Amino acid sequence: MGGTMDGTKQRRRGNTRQRIQDVALELFAEQGYEKTSLREIAERLEVTKAALYYHFKTKEEIIVSLFEDLTQPIEDLIEWGKQQPHTLETKHDIVRRYSEVLTDAAPLFRFMQENQATVRELSIGEMFKNRMLGMRDIIIDPDADLVDQVRCISALFTMHAGMFVLKDLEGDPEDKRKAVLEVATDLITQAHKGA
């Protein structure tokens, strides 16, 4: 866990709605989404089912709300990126910020990776695709040639892969995050030079 994760946890802990989200995600990860009941989530939180119900009526509501909360920073980044000039500096900024957002949202993306059927049923997949298209639009120059477009998209994929594929590589998570960021930044820089 990097420094950012602990900050997120601290910030999120005081808020009941967010505690429910965090615990639900832990349980989904441990025993699978299908096998987890609202009752178990309430038990682990040591609250009544009624207290849980006040915030969320279904598991679907929990996971969709989590997705909306944790990917809101991607939306914010896309909005910010649209206002910026298409300079290399801006793109480096975008990639760096995206890396931080992904680190904070890593447990959710692992859930999505491991529960693809559920994700398809839950409109999350569609929302995620739209976020990705938004990221693509702020990182690719409108008139870039195909190879440079592919480089930019590969930079995004590199960062996604960093969350799953690199789990099995030896090394400190923070070092791995930096290595992934470096490769993504290289790709963006190369693409920009081509422009």
C-alpha atoms as a PDB file:
ATOM      1  CA  MET A   1       0.000   0.000   0.000  1.00  0.00           C
ATOM      2  CA  GLY A   2       1.453   3.368  -0.970  1.00  0.00           C
ATOM      3  CA  GLY A   3       1.120   6.533   1.087  1.00  0.00           C
ATOM      4  CA  THR A   4      -1.906   7.622  -0.914  1.00  0.00           C
ATOM      5  CA  MET A   5      -3.861   4.522   0.096  1.00  0.00           C
ATOM      6  CA  ASP A   6      -3.526   5.223   3.817  1.00  0.00           C
ATOM      7  CA  GLY A   7      -4.671   8.790   3.277  1.00  0.00           C
ATOM      8  CA  THR A   8      -7.722   7.545   1.424  1.00  0.00           C
ATOM      9  CA  LYS A   9      -8.505   5.027   4.148  1.00  0.00           C
ATOM     10  CA  GLN A  10      -8.198   7.687   6.868  1.00  0.00           C
ATOM     11  CA  ARG A  11     -10.384  10.079   4.969  1.00  0.00           C
ATOM     12  CA  ARG A  12     -12.970   7.423   4.237  1.00  0.00           C
ATOM     13  CA  ARG A  13     -13.136   5.811   7.649  1.00  0.00           C
ATOM     14  CA  GLY A  14     -15.252   8.409   9.452  1.00  0.00           C
ATOM     15  CA  ASN A  15     -18.105   8.181   7.002  1.00  0.00           C
ATOM     16  CA  THR A  16     -20.645   5.329   7.464  1.00  0.00           C
ATOM     17  CA  ARG A  17     -21.561   5.144   3.795  1.00  0.00           C
ATOM     18  CA  GLN A  18     -17.900   4.813   2.861  1.00  0.00           C
ATOM     19  CA  ARG A  19     -17.225   2.271   5.606  1.00  0.00           C
ATOM     20  CA  ILE A  20     -20.023   0.143   4.152  1.00  0.00           C
ATOM     21  CA  GLN A  21     -18.462   0.426   0.692  1.00  0.00           C
ATOM     22  CA  ASP A  22     -14.985  -0.521   1.930  1.00  0.00           C
ATOM     23  CA  VAL A  23     -16.184  -3.526   3.948  1.00  0.00           C
ATOM     24  CA  ALA A  24     -18.451  -4.729   1.143  1.00  0.00           C
ATOM     25  CA  LEU A  25     -15.525  -4.610  -1.268  1.00  0.00           C
ATOM     26  CA  GLU A  26     -13.361  -6.587   1.190  1.00  0.00           C
ATOM     27  CA  LEU A  27     -16.048  -9.262   1.489  1.00  0.00           C
ATOM     28  CA  PHE A  28     -16.641  -9.386  -2.273  1.00  0.00           C
ATOM     29  CA  ALA A  29     -12.898  -9.897  -2.723  1.00  0.00           C
ATOM     30  CA  GLU A  30     -12.715 -12.639  -0.081  1.00  0.00           C
ATOM     31  CA  GLN A  31     -15.718 -14.749  -1.002  1.00  0.00           C
ATOM     32  CA  GLY A  32     -17.058 -13.426  -4.275  1.00  0.00           C
ATOM     33  CA  TYR A  33     -19.833 -10.983  -5.058  1.00  0.00           C
ATOM     34  CA  GLU A  34     -22.539 -13.622  -5.564  1.00  0.00           C
ATOM     35  CA  LYS A  35     -21.888 -15.366  -2.245  1.00  0.00           C
ATOM     36  CA  THR A  36     -21.863 -12.205  -0.123  1.00  0.00           C
ATOM     37  CA  SER A  37     -25.138 -11.095   1.476  1.00  0.00           C
ATOM     38  CA  LEU A  38     -26.127  -7.709   2.881  1.00  0.00           C
ATOM     39  CA  ARG A  39     -26.519  -9.438   6.246  1.00  0.00           C
ATOM     40  CA  GLU A  40     -22.842 -10.466   6.238  1.00  0.00           C
ATOM     41  CA  ILE A  41     -21.799  -6.940   5.350  1.00  0.00           C
ATOM     42  CA  ALA A  42     -23.858  -5.608   8.277  1.00  0.00           C
ATOM     43  CA  GLU A  43     -22.367  -8.234  10.624  1.00  0.00           C
ATOM     44  CA  ARG A  44     -18.793  -7.392   9.734  1.00  0.00           C
ATOM     45  CA  LEU A  45     -19.551  -3.697  10.227  1.00  0.00           C
ATOM     46  CA  GLU A  46     -21.297  -4.530  13.518  1.00  0.00           C
ATOM     47  CA  VAL A  47     -24.375  -2.557  12.520  1.00  0.00           C
ATOM     48  CA  THR A  48     -27.988  -3.702  12.134  1.00  0.00           C
ATOM     49  CA  LYS A  49     -29.278  -4.617   8.740  1.00  0.00           C
ATOM     50  CA  ALA A  50     -31.682  -1.668   9.086  1.00  0.00           C
ATOM     51  CA  ALA A  51     -28.756   0.729   9.545  1.00  0.00           C
ATOM     52  CA  LEU A  52     -27.151  -0.670   6.399  1.00  0.00           C
ATOM     53  CA  TYR A  53     -30.472  -0.468   4.572  1.00  0.00           C
ATOM     54  CA  TYR A  54     -30.691   3.215   5.347  1.00  0.00           C
ATOM     55  CA  HIS A  55     -27.712   3.741   3.019  1.00  0.00           C
ATOM     56  CA  PHE A  56     -28.047   0.921   0.494  1.00  0.00           C
ATOM     57  CA  LYS A  57     -30.966  -1.342  -0.430  1.00  0.00           C
ATOM     58  CA  THR A  58     -28.959  -3.832  -2.514  1.00  0.00           C
ATOM     59  CA  LYS A  59     -25.432  -5.053  -3.196  1.00  0.00           C
ATOM     60  CA  GLU A  60     -25.763  -3.553  -6.665  1.00  0.00           C
ATOM     61  CA  GLU A  61     -26.288  -0.117  -5.138  1.00  0.00           C
ATOM     62  CA  ILE A  62     -23.131  -0.535  -3.085  1.00  0.00           C
ATOM     63  CA  ILE A  63     -20.921  -1.502  -6.011  1.00  0.00           C
ATOM     64  CA  VAL A  64     -22.352   1.123  -8.370  1.00  0.00           C
ATOM     65  CA  SER A  65     -21.908   3.853  -5.729  1.00  0.00           C
ATOM     66  CA  LEU A  66     -18.335   2.689  -5.125  1.00  0.00           C
ATOM     67  CA  PHE A  67     -17.653   2.839  -8.810  1.00  0.00           C
ATOM     68  CA  GLU A  68     -19.097   6.337  -9.095  1.00  0.00           C
ATOM     69  CA  ASP A  69     -17.145   7.619  -6.084  1.00  0.00           C
ATOM     70  CA  LEU A  70     -13.807   6.065  -6.983  1.00  0.00           C
ATOM     71  CA  THR A  71     -13.939   6.989 -10.657  1.00  0.00           C
ATOM     72  CA  GLN A  72     -15.147  10.550 -10.048  1.00  0.00           C
ATOM     73  CA  PRO A  73     -11.486  11.658  -9.967  1.00  0.00           C
ATOM     74  CA  ILE A  74     -11.148  10.270 -13.518  1.00  0.00           C
ATOM     75  CA  GLU A  75     -14.090  12.461 -14.563  1.00  0.00           C
ATOM     76  CA  ASP A  76     -12.456  15.450 -12.853  1.00  0.00           C
ATOM     77  CA  LEU A  77      -9.169  14.692 -14.608  1.00  0.00           C
ATOM     78  CA  ILE A  78     -10.910  14.487 -17.995  1.00  0.00           C
ATOM     79  CA  GLU A  79     -12.652  17.820 -17.378  1.00  0.00           C
ATOM     80  CA  TRP A  80      -9.358  19.405 -16.335  1.00  0.00           C
ATOM     81  CA  GLY A  81      -7.526  17.918 -19.312  1.00  0.00           C
ATOM     82  CA  LYS A  82     -10.048  19.333 -21.767  1.00  0.00           C
ATOM     83  CA  GLN A  83      -9.231  22.866 -20.560  1.00  0.00           C
ATOM     84  CA  GLN A  84      -5.462  22.446 -20.988  1.00  0.00           C
ATOM     85  CA  PRO A  85      -3.278  23.087 -24.046  1.00  0.00           C
ATOM     86  CA  HIS A  86      -2.121  19.907 -25.833  1.00  0.00           C
ATOM     87  CA  THR A  87       1.444  20.274 -24.589  1.00  0.00           C
ATOM     88  CA  LEU A  88       3.783  17.483 -23.553  1.00  0.00           C
ATOM     89  CA  GLU A  89       3.817  18.914 -20.039  1.00  0.00           C
ATOM     90  CA  THR A  90       0.016  18.619 -19.823  1.00  0.00           C
ATOM     91  CA  LYS A  91       0.138  15.013 -21.002  1.00  0.00           C
ATOM     92  CA  HIS A  92       2.813  14.122 -18.452  1.00  0.00           C
ATOM     93  CA  ASP A  93       0.585  15.686 -15.797  1.00  0.00           C
ATOM     94  CA  ILE A  94      -2.419  13.689 -16.988  1.00  0.00           C
ATOM     95  CA  VAL A  95      -0.495  10.409 -16.881  1.00  0.00           C
ATOM     96  CA  ARG A  96       0.909  11.162 -13.428  1.00  0.00           C
ATOM     97  CA  ARG A  97      -2.512  12.072 -12.021  1.00  0.00           C
ATOM     98  CA  TYR A  98      -4.115   9.050 -13.652  1.00  0.00           C
ATOM     99  CA  SER A  99      -1.546   6.815 -11.994  1.00  0.00           C
ATOM    100  CA  GLU A 100      -2.554   8.226  -8.586  1.00  0.00           C
ATOM    101  CA  VAL A 101      -6.274   7.804  -9.293  1.00  0.00           C
ATOM    102  CA  LEU A 102      -5.739   4.176 -10.319  1.00  0.00           C
ATOM    103  CA  THR A 103      -3.721   3.475  -7.186  1.00  0.00           C
ATOM    104  CA  ASP A 104      -6.570   4.750  -5.005  1.00  0.00           C
ATOM    105  CA  ALA A 105      -9.150   2.768  -6.974  1.00  0.00           C
ATOM    106  CA  ALA A 106      -7.081  -0.433  -7.296  1.00  0.00           C
ATOM    107  CA  PRO A 107      -9.316  -2.623  -5.051  1.00  0.00           C
ATOM    108  CA  LEU A 108     -12.329  -1.694  -7.178  1.00  0.00           C
ATOM    109  CA  PHE A 109     -10.544  -2.437 -10.459  1.00  0.00           C
ATOM    110  CA  ARG A 110      -9.429  -5.801  -9.081  1.00  0.00           C
ATOM    111  CA  PHE A 111     -13.082  -6.506  -8.270  1.00  0.00           C
ATOM    112  CA  MET A 112     -14.033  -5.603 -11.853  1.00  0.00           C
ATOM    113  CA  GLN A 113     -11.298  -7.823 -13.246  1.00  0.00           C
ATOM    114  CA  GLU A 114     -12.391 -10.803 -11.124  1.00  0.00           C
ATOM    115  CA  ASN A 115     -16.176 -10.334 -11.543  1.00  0.00           C
ATOM    116  CA  GLN A 116     -16.547  -9.509 -15.208  1.00  0.00           C
ATOM    117  CA  ALA A 117     -19.975 -11.121 -15.551  1.00  0.00           C
ATOM    118  CA  THR A 118     -21.367  -9.038 -12.679  1.00  0.00           C
ATOM    119  CA  VAL A 119     -19.768  -5.910 -14.100  1.00  0.00           C
ATOM    120  CA  ARG A 120     -21.433  -6.534 -17.463  1.00  0.00           C
ATOM    121  CA  GLU A 121     -24.840  -6.841 -15.811  1.00  0.00           C
ATOM    122  CA  LEU A 122     -24.395  -3.691 -13.747  1.00  0.00           C
ATOM    123  CA  SER A 123     -23.979  -0.777 -16.188  1.00  0.00           C
ATOM    124  CA  ILE A 124     -20.526  -0.267 -14.630  1.00  0.00           C
ATOM    125  CA  GLY A 125     -18.845  -1.652 -17.734  1.00  0.00           C
ATOM    126  CA  GLU A 126     -20.511   0.968 -19.894  1.00  0.00           C
ATOM    127  CA  MET A 127     -19.591   3.784 -17.503  1.00  0.00           C
ATOM    128  CA  PHE A 128     -16.005   2.597 -17.407  1.00  0.00           C
ATOM    129  CA  LYS A 129     -15.810   2.478 -21.189  1.00  0.00           C
ATOM    130  CA  ASN A 130     -16.998   6.091 -21.371  1.00  0.00           C
ATOM    131  CA  ARG A 131     -14.370   7.175 -18.834  1.00  0.00           C
ATOM    132  CA  MET A 132     -11.714   5.443 -20.957  1.00  0.00           C
ATOM    133  CA  LEU A 133     -12.890   7.208 -24.112  1.00  0.00           C
ATOM    134  CA  GLY A 134     -12.680  10.499 -22.222  1.00  0.00           C
ATOM    135  CA  MET A 135      -9.100   9.719 -21.148  1.00  0.00           C
ATOM    136  CA  ARG A 136      -8.200   8.802 -24.693  1.00  0.00           C
ATOM    137  CA  ASP A 137      -9.545  12.125 -25.982  1.00  0.00           C
ATOM    138  CA  ILE A 138      -7.415  14.257 -23.671  1.00  0.00           C
ATOM    139  CA  ILE A 139      -4.207  12.319 -24.285  1.00  0.00           C
ATOM    140  CA  ILE A 140      -4.305  11.873 -28.066  1.00  0.00           C
ATOM    141  CA  ASP A 141      -3.739  14.817 -30.399  1.00  0.00           C
ATOM    142  CA  PRO A 142      -6.653  15.049 -32.826  1.00  0.00           C
ATOM    143  CA  ASP A 143      -4.305  14.939 -35.837  1.00  0.00           C
ATOM    144  CA  ALA A 144      -1.817  12.359 -34.494  1.00  0.00           C
ATOM    145  CA  ASP A 145      -0.939   9.557 -36.877  1.00  0.00           C
ATOM    146  CA  LEU A 146      -2.049   6.016 -36.114  1.00  0.00           C
ATOM    147  CA  VAL A 147       1.192   4.821 -34.525  1.00  0.00           C
ATOM    148  CA  ASP A 148       1.167   7.741 -32.094  1.00  0.00           C
ATOM    149  CA  GLN A 149      -2.494   7.144 -31.264  1.00  0.00           C
ATOM    150  CA  VAL A 150      -1.621   3.537 -30.476  1.00  0.00           C
ATOM    151  CA  ARG A 151       1.272   4.713 -28.291  1.00  0.00           C
ATOM    152  CA  CYS A 152      -1.087   6.914 -26.270  1.00  0.00           C
ATOM    153  CA  ILE A 153      -3.667   4.169 -25.834  1.00  0.00           C
ATOM    154  CA  SER A 154      -0.859   1.776 -24.889  1.00  0.00           C
ATOM    155  CA  ALA A 155       0.221   4.209 -22.170  1.00  0.00           C
ATOM    156  CA  LEU A 156      -3.266   3.919 -20.613  1.00  0.00           C
ATOM    157  CA  PHE A 157      -3.256   0.126 -20.991  1.00  0.00           C
ATOM    158  CA  THR A 158       0.201  -0.029 -19.433  1.00  0.00           C
ATOM    159  CA  MET A 159      -1.161   1.677 -16.336  1.00  0.00           C
ATOM    160  CA  HIS A 160      -4.159  -0.661 -16.179  1.00  0.00           C
ATOM    161  CA  ALA A 161      -1.926  -3.696 -16.631  1.00  0.00           C
ATOM    162  CA  GLY A 162       0.234  -2.334 -13.849  1.00  0.00           C
ATOM    163  CA  MET A 163      -2.588  -3.018 -11.410  1.00  0.00           C
ATOM    164  CA  PHE A 164      -3.120  -6.670 -12.324  1.00  0.00           C
ATOM    165  CA  VAL A 165      -0.267  -8.180 -14.263  1.00  0.00           C
ATOM    166  CA  LEU A 166       2.514  -6.702 -12.180  1.00  0.00           C
ATOM    167  CA  LYS A 167       1.065  -7.965  -8.888  1.00  0.00           C
ATOM    168  CA  ASP A 168       3.095 -11.136  -9.452  1.00  0.00           C
ATOM    169  CA  LEU A 169       6.381  -9.376 -10.196  1.00  0.00           C
ATOM    170  CA  GLU A 170       8.852  -9.126  -7.337  1.00  0.00           C
ATOM    171  CA  GLY A 171       9.311  -5.700  -5.873  1.00  0.00           C
ATOM    172  CA  ASP A 172       7.876  -2.922  -3.775  1.00  0.00           C
ATOM    173  CA  PRO A 173       4.408  -1.767  -4.946  1.00  0.00           C
ATOM    174  CA  GLU A 174       5.518   1.866  -4.989  1.00  0.00           C
ATOM    175  CA  ASP A 175       8.602   1.004  -7.102  1.00  0.00           C
ATOM    176  CA  LYS A 176       6.354  -0.893  -9.491  1.00  0.00           C
ATOM    177  CA  ARG A 177       3.971   2.051  -9.721  1.00  0.00           C
ATOM    178  CA  LYS A 178       6.891   4.353 -10.573  1.00  0.00           C
ATOM    179  CA  ALA A 179       8.225   1.907 -13.171  1.00  0.00           C
ATOM    180  CA  VAL A 180       4.797   1.663 -14.814  1.00  0.00           C
ATOM    181  CA  LEU A 181       4.483   5.452 -14.777  1.00  0.00           C
ATOM    182  CA  GLU A 182       7.914   5.798 -16.376  1.00  0.00           C
ATOM    183  CA  VAL A 183       6.997   3.453 -19.230  1.00  0.00           C
ATOM    184  CA  ALA A 184       3.653   5.213 -19.776  1.00  0.00           C
ATOM    185  CA  THR A 185       5.409   8.588 -19.766  1.00  0.00           C
ATOM    186  CA  ASP A 186       7.965   7.337 -22.316  1.00  0.00           C
ATOM    187  CA  LEU A 187       5.165   6.239 -24.646  1.00  0.00           C
ATOM    188  CA  ILE A 188       3.408   9.597 -24.353  1.00  0.00           C
ATOM    189  CA  THR A 189       6.684  11.451 -24.978  1.00  0.00           C
ATOM    190  CA  GLN A 190       7.437   9.374 -28.081  1.00  0.00           C
ATOM    191  CA  ALA A 191       3.930   9.934 -29.410  1.00  0.00           C
ATOM    192  CA  HIS A 192       4.267  13.674 -28.853  1.00  0.00           C
ATOM    193  CA  LYS A 193       7.579  13.834 -30.705  1.00  0.00           C
ATOM    194  CA  GLY A 194       5.911  12.163 -33.657  1.00  0.00           C
ATOM    195  CA  ALA A 195       3.228  14.850 -33.776  1.00  0.00           C
END
